[in-house]
Amino acid sequence: MKVTLDLDDLVSRGELSKAEADRLRAFAVADTGALGTNIFLALGASAIAVGLGVLIPTAFTAIVVGGVLFAGGLALKLMGGARWLLFAQVCLTIGTLALSGGLSLLAEGSVPANLAISLGVAATAVLARSGLLVSLAVIAFAATIGGATNYQGSIFWQPALSIGLLAAVALGLLFASTRLPPAYERLAIIAARTAALMLNFGFLIGSLFGDSAVNLPAAAFSIVWAVLLVVTGIWAIRAYRRWVVNTAAVFGAIHFFVQWFLALGPSALSILGGGALLISSGFALAAFNQSMVTAAAPG
């Protein structure tokens, strides 16, 4: 856990000696130097990857560059040294994106290949204990199961299928998170939350365009989505699930305003009324978050 302290204030109030403050400052200087080194190395690796991609824009280039960065980042990450952690994370992320993108291009968007790539990214995320990579794995999975073309310009050309599978993934990961060690519990929760976000985007697309694959109209998605958001929000408030409450509120606002403007059109009055409702909703959400913070405060 990281803690931010004002050393000068603590010394002036007599709660910390000058010698102790100087010792803590020395640690901060060392950390700052390591961070600067990591930033320069990360920017350099990114520039080399982009430069090679521009000079030789082929799938093979992406695979080779991605593979090198991926292997180097993973090696640094597994060695466990905190000094190179940021550099390792950047190399691992860029390498994974380049490698998976190159392999997907070679596979010409094949669904089985993209599913295998998503599983590979997920396995790497678990091995490296990377929350960013596990989120990318879920996003890649969502894009793959939804298809990527030929439905009103959206990746969700089969929103019903996407919603069903992502709901199963989110619930399964939440269930698994209660039985995993803390490090992997964190990854499972991040993946479950990402799946929940993508699921809501599936509902958004369905509420706009429906689903021609299963002959579901847009109204069906709109009604089901609204009911689920209300039920989930009420449960989350009673269970003190702050992230769930905020997510339900944000997507509830998105859903409401999409339908609001579809019904009323982009007129001056509809924009004015929508803005007033959005501000009042924002104050209500801020009050709820403050109440959660107060309830969680000790004593």
Protein backbone atom coordinates (compact mmCIF):
# COMPACT_ATOMS: atom_id res chain seq x y z
CA MET A 1 0.00 0.00 0.00
CA LYS A 2 1.33 3.45 -0.95
CA VAL A 3 0.89 6.37 1.48
CA THR A 4 1.42 10.06 0.66
CA LEU A 5 2.92 12.13 3.48
CA ASP A 6 3.85 15.81 3.78
CA LEU A 7 7.23 15.42 5.49
CA ASP A 8 7.77 19.14 6.11
CA ASP A 9 4.39 19.43 7.80
CA LEU A 10 5.05 16.37 9.97
CA VAL A 11 8.44 17.75 11.03
CA SER A 12 6.98 21.19 11.82
CA ARG A 13 4.32 19.57 14.01
CA GLY A 14 6.90 17.49 15.83
CA GLU A 15 5.43 14.18 14.68
CA LEU A 16 8.56 13.24 12.73
CA SER A 17 12.23 14.05 13.39
CA LYS A 18 14.32 15.80 10.74
CA ALA A 19 16.63 12.79 10.51
CA GLU A 20 13.69 10.47 9.81
CA ALA A 21 12.31 12.90 7.23
CA ASP A 22 15.69 13.05 5.45
CA ARG A 23 15.87 9.25 5.38
CA LEU A 24 12.40 9.03 3.82
CA ARG A 25 13.32 11.71 1.26
CA ALA A 26 16.29 9.58 0.21
CA PHE A 27 13.93 6.71 -0.59
CA ALA A 28 11.73 9.07 -2.59
CA VAL A 29 14.69 10.34 -4.61
CA ALA A 30 15.71 6.78 -5.45
CA ASP A 31 12.17 5.90 -6.52
CA THR A 32 11.93 9.07 -8.62
CA GLY A 33 15.19 8.24 -10.40
CA ALA A 34 14.04 4.71 -11.12
CA LEU A 35 10.72 6.02 -12.44
CA GLY A 36 12.50 8.46 -14.77
CA THR A 37 14.73 5.69 -16.11
CA ASN A 38 11.70 3.46 -16.69
CA ILE A 39 9.87 6.23 -18.54
CA PHE A 40 12.82 6.87 -20.88
CA LEU A 41 13.25 3.16 -21.59
CA ALA A 42 9.52 2.70 -22.17
CA LEU A 43 9.36 5.65 -24.57
CA GLY A 44 12.40 4.35 -26.42
CA ALA A 45 10.93 0.86 -26.80
CA SER A 46 7.63 2.34 -27.99
CA ALA A 47 9.41 4.55 -30.55
CA ILE A 48 11.41 1.61 -31.92
CA ALA A 49 8.27 -0.53 -32.22
CA VAL A 50 6.35 2.23 -34.01
CA GLY A 51 9.30 3.04 -36.28
CA LEU A 52 9.76 -0.56 -37.38
CA GLY A 53 6.04 -0.87 -37.96
CA VAL A 54 6.04 2.20 -40.20
CA LEU A 55 9.16 1.16 -42.11
CA ILE A 56 8.05 -2.44 -42.66
CA PRO A 57 4.23 -2.49 -42.26
CA THR A 58 3.60 -6.22 -42.38
CA ALA A 59 2.03 -8.78 -40.06
CA PHE A 60 5.41 -10.51 -39.83
CA THR A 61 7.01 -7.30 -38.51
CA ALA A 62 4.32 -6.98 -35.86
CA ILE A 63 4.85 -10.59 -34.81
CA VAL A 64 8.65 -10.30 -34.59
CA VAL A 65 8.67 -6.93 -32.78
CA GLY A 66 5.79 -7.99 -30.56
CA GLY A 67 7.47 -11.27 -29.74
CA VAL A 68 10.73 -9.58 -28.72
CA LEU A 69 8.99 -7.00 -26.54
CA PHE A 70 6.66 -9.62 -25.10
CA ALA A 71 9.52 -11.97 -24.16
CA GLY A 72 11.61 -9.16 -22.67
CA GLY A 73 8.73 -7.67 -20.71
CA LEU A 74 7.62 -11.04 -19.39
CA ALA A 75 11.16 -11.93 -18.33
CA LEU A 76 11.57 -8.66 -16.43
CA LYS A 77 8.14 -9.07 -14.86
CA LEU A 78 8.81 -12.64 -13.70
CA MET A 79 12.19 -11.69 -12.22
CA GLY A 80 10.18 -9.66 -9.73
CA GLY A 81 12.42 -6.60 -9.62
CA ALA A 82 10.45 -3.52 -8.66
CA ARG A 83 13.09 -1.25 -10.25
CA TRP A 84 12.10 -2.19 -13.83
CA LEU A 85 8.41 -2.83 -13.21
CA LEU A 86 7.05 0.05 -15.33
CA PHE A 87 9.37 -0.73 -18.25
CA ALA A 88 8.42 -4.41 -18.06
CA GLN A 89 4.71 -3.56 -18.02
CA VAL A 90 5.00 -1.27 -21.07
CA CYS A 91 7.04 -3.81 -23.05
CA LEU A 92 4.65 -6.59 -22.12
CA THR A 93 1.57 -4.59 -23.10
CA ILE A 94 2.96 -3.30 -26.42
CA GLY A 95 4.40 -6.71 -27.22
CA THR A 96 1.12 -8.47 -26.52
CA LEU A 97 -0.85 -6.02 -28.67
CA ALA A 98 1.61 -6.22 -31.57
CA LEU A 99 1.97 -10.00 -31.39
CA SER A 100 -1.74 -10.70 -31.11
CA GLY A 101 -2.53 -8.16 -33.85
CA GLY A 102 0.01 -9.72 -36.21
CA LEU A 103 -1.25 -13.24 -35.56
CA SER A 104 -4.84 -12.10 -36.10
CA LEU A 105 -3.88 -10.52 -39.43
CA LEU A 106 -2.20 -13.72 -40.56
CA ALA A 107 -5.30 -15.68 -39.55
CA GLU A 108 -7.43 -13.22 -41.56
CA GLY A 109 -9.81 -12.61 -38.67
CA SER A 110 -10.58 -16.29 -38.09
CA VAL A 111 -12.86 -16.67 -35.07
CA PRO A 112 -11.09 -19.80 -33.69
CA ALA A 113 -7.71 -18.08 -34.09
CA ASN A 114 -8.91 -14.90 -32.36
CA LEU A 115 -10.40 -16.94 -29.52
CA ALA A 116 -7.05 -18.71 -29.13
CA ILE A 117 -5.29 -15.34 -29.10
CA SER A 118 -7.69 -14.07 -26.43
CA LEU A 119 -6.98 -17.14 -24.29
CA GLY A 120 -3.24 -16.62 -24.82
CA VAL A 121 -3.48 -13.02 -23.64
CA ALA A 122 -5.50 -14.15 -20.63
CA ALA A 123 -2.89 -16.81 -19.77
CA THR A 124 -0.13 -14.21 -20.04
CA ALA A 125 -2.10 -11.86 -17.80
CA VAL A 126 -2.39 -14.53 -15.13
CA LEU A 127 1.30 -15.43 -15.43
CA ALA A 128 2.38 -11.78 -15.19
CA ARG A 129 -0.45 -10.86 -12.81
CA SER A 130 -1.33 -7.94 -15.06
CA GLY A 131 -4.73 -6.29 -14.66
CA LEU A 132 -4.31 -4.38 -17.93
CA LEU A 133 -3.66 -7.54 -19.94
CA VAL A 134 -6.57 -9.40 -18.40
CA SER A 135 -8.84 -6.50 -19.39
CA LEU A 136 -7.47 -6.60 -22.94
CA ALA A 137 -8.13 -10.35 -23.06
CA VAL A 138 -11.79 -9.83 -22.17
CA ILE A 139 -12.14 -7.01 -24.71
CA ALA A 140 -10.57 -9.20 -27.42
CA PHE A 141 -12.94 -12.02 -26.49
CA ALA A 142 -15.93 -9.66 -26.68
CA ALA A 143 -14.88 -8.40 -30.10
CA THR A 144 -14.39 -11.95 -31.35
CA ILE A 145 -17.72 -13.35 -30.24
CA GLY A 146 -19.58 -10.31 -31.49
CA GLY A 147 -17.99 -10.41 -34.91
CA ALA A 148 -16.19 -7.35 -36.18
CA THR A 149 -17.93 -6.26 -39.34
CA ASN A 150 -21.11 -5.89 -41.28
CA TYR A 151 -23.61 -4.77 -38.64
CA GLN A 152 -24.30 -1.05 -38.71
CA GLY A 153 -20.57 -0.41 -38.31
CA SER A 154 -20.55 -2.04 -34.86
CA ILE A 155 -18.46 -4.85 -33.44
CA PHE A 156 -21.63 -6.21 -31.84
CA TRP A 157 -23.40 -7.57 -34.89
CA GLN A 158 -24.77 -10.30 -32.63
CA PRO A 159 -25.54 -8.41 -29.39
CA ALA A 160 -27.72 -11.18 -27.92
CA LEU A 161 -24.91 -13.74 -28.22
CA SER A 162 -22.36 -11.23 -26.90
CA ILE A 163 -24.53 -10.35 -23.90
CA GLY A 164 -25.20 -13.97 -22.99
CA LEU A 165 -21.58 -15.09 -23.16
CA LEU A 166 -20.22 -12.00 -21.41
CA ALA A 167 -22.78 -12.39 -18.62
CA ALA A 168 -21.65 -16.01 -18.15
CA VAL A 169 -18.00 -14.90 -18.10
CA ALA A 170 -18.66 -12.11 -15.57
CA LEU A 171 -20.66 -14.32 -13.21
CA GLY A 172 -18.16 -17.16 -13.50
CA LEU A 173 -15.24 -14.88 -12.72
CA LEU A 174 -17.04 -13.32 -9.75
CA PHE A 175 -17.73 -16.79 -8.37
CA ALA A 176 -14.11 -17.83 -8.95
CA SER A 177 -12.77 -14.67 -7.28
CA THR A 178 -14.19 -15.79 -3.92
CA ARG A 179 -12.06 -18.94 -4.05
CA LEU A 180 -8.75 -17.57 -5.33
CA PRO A 181 -5.67 -16.19 -3.54
CA PRO A 182 -5.63 -12.38 -3.23
CA ALA A 183 -3.33 -11.76 -6.23
CA TYR A 184 -5.51 -13.82 -8.57
CA GLU A 185 -8.73 -12.65 -6.92
CA ARG A 186 -7.81 -9.14 -8.07
CA LEU A 187 -7.35 -10.33 -11.66
CA ALA A 188 -10.66 -12.19 -11.63
CA ILE A 189 -12.50 -9.11 -10.36
CA ILE A 190 -10.88 -6.86 -12.98
CA ALA A 191 -11.82 -9.32 -15.74
CA ALA A 192 -15.38 -9.63 -14.40
CA ARG A 193 -15.79 -5.86 -14.31
CA THR A 194 -14.45 -5.55 -17.85
CA ALA A 195 -16.91 -8.20 -19.01
CA ALA A 196 -19.73 -6.28 -17.29
CA LEU A 197 -18.71 -3.08 -19.09
CA MET A 198 -18.59 -4.82 -22.47
CA LEU A 199 -21.94 -6.47 -21.72
CA ASN A 200 -23.50 -3.04 -21.23
CA PHE A 201 -22.07 -1.86 -24.54
CA GLY A 202 -23.71 -4.90 -26.12
CA PHE A 203 -27.03 -3.80 -24.66
CA LEU A 204 -26.41 -0.28 -25.98
CA ILE A 205 -25.92 -1.55 -29.53
CA GLY A 206 -28.90 -3.85 -29.22
CA SER A 207 -31.10 -1.01 -27.94
CA LEU A 208 -30.19 1.02 -31.04
CA PHE A 209 -30.24 -1.59 -33.81
CA GLY A 210 -31.79 -4.77 -32.41
CA ASP A 211 -30.36 -8.16 -33.41
CA SER A 212 -31.09 -9.44 -36.90
CA ALA A 213 -29.43 -12.79 -36.13
CA VAL A 214 -32.22 -13.79 -33.70
CA ASN A 215 -34.90 -11.33 -34.86
CA LEU A 216 -34.95 -9.31 -31.63
CA PRO A 217 -36.15 -5.69 -32.00
CA ALA A 218 -34.35 -2.76 -30.40
CA ALA A 219 -37.26 -2.24 -27.99
CA ALA A 220 -36.66 -5.66 -26.42
CA PHE A 221 -33.05 -4.78 -25.61
CA SER A 222 -34.10 -1.36 -24.28
CA ILE A 223 -36.67 -2.81 -21.87
CA VAL A 224 -34.50 -5.68 -20.61
CA TRP A 225 -31.50 -3.39 -20.18
CA ALA A 226 -33.50 -0.84 -18.20
CA VAL A 227 -34.94 -3.51 -15.90
CA LEU A 228 -31.54 -5.10 -15.29
CA LEU A 229 -29.92 -1.73 -14.52
CA VAL A 230 -32.62 -0.84 -12.00
CA VAL A 231 -32.57 -4.26 -10.30
CA THR A 232 -28.76 -4.35 -10.24
CA GLY A 233 -28.57 -0.80 -8.89
CA ILE A 234 -31.01 -1.53 -6.07
CA TRP A 235 -29.17 -4.71 -5.12
CA ALA A 236 -25.80 -2.93 -5.21
CA ILE A 237 -27.04 -0.12 -2.94
CA ARG A 238 -28.32 -2.61 -0.39
CA ALA A 239 -25.14 -4.68 -0.62
CA TYR A 240 -22.87 -1.59 -0.50
CA ARG A 241 -21.25 -2.44 -3.83
CA ARG A 242 -19.94 0.99 -4.77
CA TRP A 243 -18.40 0.08 -8.15
CA VAL A 244 -21.57 -1.69 -9.23
CA VAL A 245 -23.74 1.26 -8.19
CA ASN A 246 -21.60 3.71 -10.15
CA THR A 247 -21.51 1.46 -13.21
CA ALA A 248 -25.27 0.94 -13.15
CA ALA A 249 -25.78 4.70 -12.73
CA VAL A 250 -23.47 5.61 -15.63
CA PHE A 251 -24.99 3.12 -18.05
CA GLY A 252 -28.46 3.98 -16.78
CA ALA A 253 -27.77 7.61 -17.68
CA ILE A 254 -26.40 6.59 -21.08
CA HIS A 255 -29.46 4.43 -21.76
CA PHE A 256 -31.86 7.13 -20.59
CA PHE A 257 -30.31 9.89 -22.68
CA VAL A 258 -30.04 7.75 -25.80
CA GLN A 259 -33.76 7.02 -25.58
CA TRP A 260 -34.48 10.62 -24.55
CA PHE A 261 -32.87 12.09 -27.66
CA LEU A 262 -34.25 9.36 -29.91
CA ALA A 263 -37.75 10.29 -28.71
CA LEU A 264 -37.42 14.08 -28.48
CA GLY A 265 -34.71 14.79 -31.02
CA PRO A 266 -31.73 17.14 -30.57
CA SER A 267 -33.76 20.27 -29.87
CA ALA A 268 -32.77 23.11 -27.54
CA LEU A 269 -35.41 22.11 -24.95
CA SER A 270 -34.44 18.43 -24.97
CA ILE A 271 -30.76 19.31 -24.53
CA LEU A 272 -31.60 21.75 -21.72
CA GLY A 273 -33.82 19.23 -19.95
CA GLY A 274 -31.28 16.45 -20.44
CA GLY A 275 -28.51 18.61 -19.00
CA ALA A 276 -30.59 19.47 -15.92
CA LEU A 277 -31.38 15.80 -15.32
CA LEU A 278 -27.73 14.84 -15.79
CA ILE A 279 -26.57 17.44 -13.23
CA SER A 280 -29.14 16.31 -10.67
CA SER A 281 -28.16 12.69 -11.23
CA GLY A 282 -24.51 13.62 -10.77
CA PHE A 283 -25.23 15.28 -7.42
CA ALA A 284 -27.24 12.25 -6.30
CA LEU A 285 -24.40 9.90 -7.25
CA ALA A 286 -21.84 12.12 -5.50
CA ALA A 287 -23.98 12.09 -2.33
CA PHE A 288 -24.18 8.29 -2.45
CA ASN A 289 -20.40 7.96 -2.88
CA GLN A 290 -19.82 10.32 0.04
CA SER A 291 -22.18 8.30 2.21
CA MET A 292 -20.22 5.15 1.32
CA VAL A 293 -16.95 6.86 2.27
CA THR A 294 -18.43 8.06 5.57
CA ALA A 295 -19.80 4.61 6.36
CA ALA A 296 -16.41 3.05 5.67
CA ALA A 297 -14.49 5.57 7.83
CA PRO A 298 -13.28 4.17 11.18
CA GLY A 299 -14.94 5.29 14.42
